[in-house]
Amino acid sequence: MELTNIIASFYPEMKKRIILCAHWDTQPFADKDPNPENRSQPILGANDGASGVALLLEIASLLPAKRPKWGVDIVFFDAEDYGTEERLDMYCLGSQFFSRNLGLIDTQKKLWI
């Protein structure tokens, strides 16, 4: 499975930074749906991750005009909702990868998983 975290860095020259994150993936199966026939169907991202993505995209559009005191990194994680109750280790794959590789991130080149 190929996954992609999307990273945008504003003012990468600033040493003090904040990070804002959301997940952009769609849950591949509705394993908790009351109707068993729907449990193999995806939960569309518009009903799940889209609100966080929309908020962060709006913040990103405002950052150039506001010039904050700190650098800002916005990260959209992939594969956050891939797990199930039987496979908890499959949740948060994008953020796990990001946190394990935080020191390797080059804000000029972007890090893709």
C-alpha atoms as a PDB file:
ATOM      1  CA  MET A   1       0.000   0.000   0.000  1.00  0.00           C
ATOM      2  CA  GLU A   2       1.418   3.402  -0.975  1.00  0.00           C
ATOM      3  CA  LEU A   3       0.545   6.260   1.364  1.00  0.00           C
ATOM      4  CA  THR A   4       1.193   9.998   1.254  1.00  0.00           C
ATOM      5  CA  ASN A   5       1.417  12.595   4.003  1.00  0.00           C
ATOM      6  CA  ILE A   6       1.077  16.110   2.633  1.00  0.00           C
ATOM      7  CA  ILE A   7       3.266  18.739   4.312  1.00  0.00           C
ATOM      8  CA  ALA A   8       3.205  22.508   3.857  1.00  0.00           C
ATOM      9  CA  SER A   9       5.735  24.687   5.661  1.00  0.00           C
ATOM     10  CA  PHE A  10       5.289  28.412   6.123  1.00  0.00           C
ATOM     11  CA  TYR A  11       8.335  30.476   7.042  1.00  0.00           C
ATOM     12  CA  PRO A  12      10.729  27.498   7.171  1.00  0.00           C
ATOM     13  CA  GLU A  13      13.583  29.787   8.210  1.00  0.00           C
ATOM     14  CA  MET A  14      11.964  30.349  11.623  1.00  0.00           C
ATOM     15  CA  LYS A  15      13.289  28.074  14.374  1.00  0.00           C
ATOM     16  CA  LYS A  16      10.232  28.329  16.656  1.00  0.00           C
ATOM     17  CA  ARG A  17       7.429  26.396  14.988  1.00  0.00           C
ATOM     18  CA  ILE A  18       3.926  25.115  15.514  1.00  0.00           C
ATOM     19  CA  ILE A  19       2.355  22.169  13.755  1.00  0.00           C
ATOM     20  CA  LEU A  20      -1.289  21.891  12.724  1.00  0.00           C
ATOM     21  CA  CYS A  21      -2.545  18.485  11.600  1.00  0.00           C
ATOM     22  CA  ALA A  22      -5.581  16.714  10.224  1.00  0.00           C
ATOM     23  CA  HIS A  23      -6.130  13.501   8.309  1.00  0.00           C
ATOM     24  CA  TRP A  24      -7.228  13.545   4.713  1.00  0.00           C
ATOM     25  CA  ASP A  25      -7.885   9.862   4.107  1.00  0.00           C
ATOM     26  CA  THR A  26     -11.201   8.076   3.760  1.00  0.00           C
ATOM     27  CA  GLN A  27     -11.966   5.207   6.102  1.00  0.00           C
ATOM     28  CA  PRO A  28     -11.920   2.153   3.838  1.00  0.00           C
ATOM     29  CA  PHE A  29     -14.731   0.315   5.606  1.00  0.00           C
ATOM     30  CA  ALA A  30     -17.688   1.168   7.833  1.00  0.00           C
ATOM     31  CA  ASP A  31     -17.026  -1.672  10.278  1.00  0.00           C
ATOM     32  CA  LYS A  32     -19.377  -0.159  12.922  1.00  0.00           C
ATOM     33  CA  ASP A  33     -22.346   0.449  10.627  1.00  0.00           C
ATOM     34  CA  PRO A  34     -25.548  -0.971  12.139  1.00  0.00           C
ATOM     35  CA  ASN A  35     -26.373  -2.497   8.759  1.00  0.00           C
ATOM     36  CA  PRO A  36     -23.983  -5.451   8.197  1.00  0.00           C
ATOM     37  CA  GLU A  37     -24.298  -5.019   4.422  1.00  0.00           C
ATOM     38  CA  ASN A  38     -22.612  -1.595   4.661  1.00  0.00           C
ATOM     39  CA  ARG A  39     -19.621  -2.689   6.748  1.00  0.00           C
ATOM     40  CA  SER A  40     -17.407  -3.368   3.746  1.00  0.00           C
ATOM     41  CA  GLN A  41     -18.194   0.044   2.223  1.00  0.00           C
ATOM     42  CA  PRO A  42     -15.967   3.100   2.768  1.00  0.00           C
ATOM     43  CA  ILE A  43     -16.945   6.057   4.943  1.00  0.00           C
ATOM     44  CA  LEU A  44     -16.520   8.968   2.584  1.00  0.00           C
ATOM     45  CA  GLY A  45     -13.926  11.536   3.611  1.00  0.00           C
ATOM     46  CA  ALA A  46     -16.498  14.322   3.323  1.00  0.00           C
ATOM     47  CA  ASN A  47     -18.198  12.823   6.381  1.00  0.00           C
ATOM     48  CA  ASP A  48     -14.971  12.328   8.300  1.00  0.00           C
ATOM     49  CA  GLY A  49     -11.633  14.014   7.553  1.00  0.00           C
ATOM     50  CA  ALA A  50     -12.841  16.849   5.316  1.00  0.00           C
ATOM     51  CA  SER A  51     -13.748  19.282   8.092  1.00  0.00           C
ATOM     52  CA  GLY A  52     -10.221  19.309   9.529  1.00  0.00           C
ATOM     53  CA  VAL A  53      -8.699  19.596   6.066  1.00  0.00           C
ATOM     54  CA  ALA A  54     -11.016  22.500   5.178  1.00  0.00           C
ATOM     55  CA  LEU A  55     -10.108  24.347   8.371  1.00  0.00           C
ATOM     56  CA  LEU A  56      -6.368  23.938   7.812  1.00  0.00           C
ATOM     57  CA  LEU A  57      -6.630  24.973   4.163  1.00  0.00           C
ATOM     58  CA  GLU A  58      -8.365  28.169   5.255  1.00  0.00           C
ATOM     59  CA  ILE A  59      -5.663  28.848   7.847  1.00  0.00           C
ATOM     60  CA  ALA A  60      -3.034  28.242   5.155  1.00  0.00           C
ATOM     61  CA  SER A  61      -4.713  30.807   2.905  1.00  0.00           C
ATOM     62  CA  LEU A  62      -4.508  33.431   5.680  1.00  0.00           C
ATOM     63  CA  LEU A  63      -0.922  32.837   6.814  1.00  0.00           C
ATOM     64  CA  PRO A  64       0.882  34.880   4.125  1.00  0.00           C
ATOM     65  CA  ALA A  65      -1.079  38.014   5.051  1.00  0.00           C
ATOM     66  CA  LYS A  66      -0.852  37.556   8.828  1.00  0.00           C
ATOM     67  CA  ARG A  67       2.885  36.768   9.220  1.00  0.00           C
ATOM     68  CA  PRO A  68       2.734  34.865  12.537  1.00  0.00           C
ATOM     69  CA  LYS A  69       5.484  34.988  15.205  1.00  0.00           C
ATOM     70  CA  TRP A  70       6.353  31.348  14.542  1.00  0.00           C
ATOM     71  CA  GLY A  71       6.867  29.139  11.559  1.00  0.00           C
ATOM     72  CA  VAL A  72       3.877  26.940  10.796  1.00  0.00           C
ATOM     73  CA  ASP A  73       3.871  23.393   9.472  1.00  0.00           C
ATOM     74  CA  ILE A  74       0.574  21.985   8.265  1.00  0.00           C
ATOM     75  CA  VAL A  75       0.449  18.221   7.866  1.00  0.00           C
ATOM     76  CA  PHE A  76      -2.333  16.154   6.341  1.00  0.00           C
ATOM     77  CA  PHE A  77      -1.927  12.541   7.412  1.00  0.00           C
ATOM     78  CA  ASP A  78      -2.811   9.545   5.292  1.00  0.00           C
ATOM     79  CA  ALA A  79      -4.037   6.131   6.544  1.00  0.00           C
ATOM     80  CA  GLU A  80      -5.232   7.312   9.959  1.00  0.00           C
ATOM     81  CA  ASP A  81      -8.459   5.303   9.783  1.00  0.00           C
ATOM     82  CA  TYR A  82      -7.196   2.076   8.278  1.00  0.00           C
ATOM     83  CA  GLY A  83      -7.516  -0.006  11.459  1.00  0.00           C
ATOM     84  CA  THR A  84     -10.250  -2.070  13.047  1.00  0.00           C
ATOM     85  CA  GLU A  85     -10.902  -3.312  16.576  1.00  0.00           C
ATOM     86  CA  GLU A  86      -9.016  -6.465  15.639  1.00  0.00           C
ATOM     87  CA  ARG A  87      -6.104  -4.491  14.085  1.00  0.00           C
ATOM     88  CA  LEU A  88      -5.525  -1.431  16.267  1.00  0.00           C
ATOM     89  CA  ASP A  89      -1.933  -1.280  15.006  1.00  0.00           C
ATOM     90  CA  MET A  90      -3.286  -0.220  11.598  1.00  0.00           C
ATOM     91  CA  TYR A  91      -4.680   3.093  12.900  1.00  0.00           C
ATOM     92  CA  CYS A  92      -2.720   6.335  12.576  1.00  0.00           C
ATOM     93  CA  LEU A  93      -0.167   5.021  10.084  1.00  0.00           C
ATOM     94  CA  GLY A  94       0.622   8.428   8.603  1.00  0.00           C
ATOM     95  CA  SER A  95       1.094  10.175  11.943  1.00  0.00           C
ATOM     96  CA  GLN A  96       3.145   7.268  13.293  1.00  0.00           C
ATOM     97  CA  PHE A  97       5.478   7.511  10.315  1.00  0.00           C
ATOM     98  CA  PHE A  98       5.678  11.282  10.653  1.00  0.00           C
ATOM     99  CA  SER A  99       6.509  11.175  14.363  1.00  0.00           C
ATOM    100  CA  ARG A 100       9.164   8.477  13.903  1.00  0.00           C
ATOM    101  CA  ASN A 101      10.820  10.510  11.141  1.00  0.00           C
ATOM    102  CA  LEU A 102      10.353  14.038  12.473  1.00  0.00           C
ATOM    103  CA  GLY A 103      14.068  14.738  12.599  1.00  0.00           C
ATOM    104  CA  LEU A 104      14.434  13.765   8.941  1.00  0.00           C
ATOM    105  CA  ILE A 105      11.949  16.249   7.550  1.00  0.00           C
ATOM    106  CA  ASP A 106      13.373  18.790   5.155  1.00  0.00           C
ATOM    107  CA  THR A 107      10.769  21.521   4.847  1.00  0.00           C
ATOM    108  CA  GLN A 108      12.181  22.549   1.478  1.00  0.00           C
ATOM    109  CA  LYS A 109      11.801  19.105  -0.109  1.00  0.00           C
ATOM    110  CA  LYS A 110       8.759  17.597   1.694  1.00  0.00           C
ATOM    111  CA  LEU A 111       8.601  14.109   3.088  1.00  0.00           C
ATOM    112  CA  TRP A 112       6.397  11.543   1.366  1.00  0.00           C
ATOM    113  CA  ILE A 113       5.526   8.108   2.707  1.00  0.00           C
END
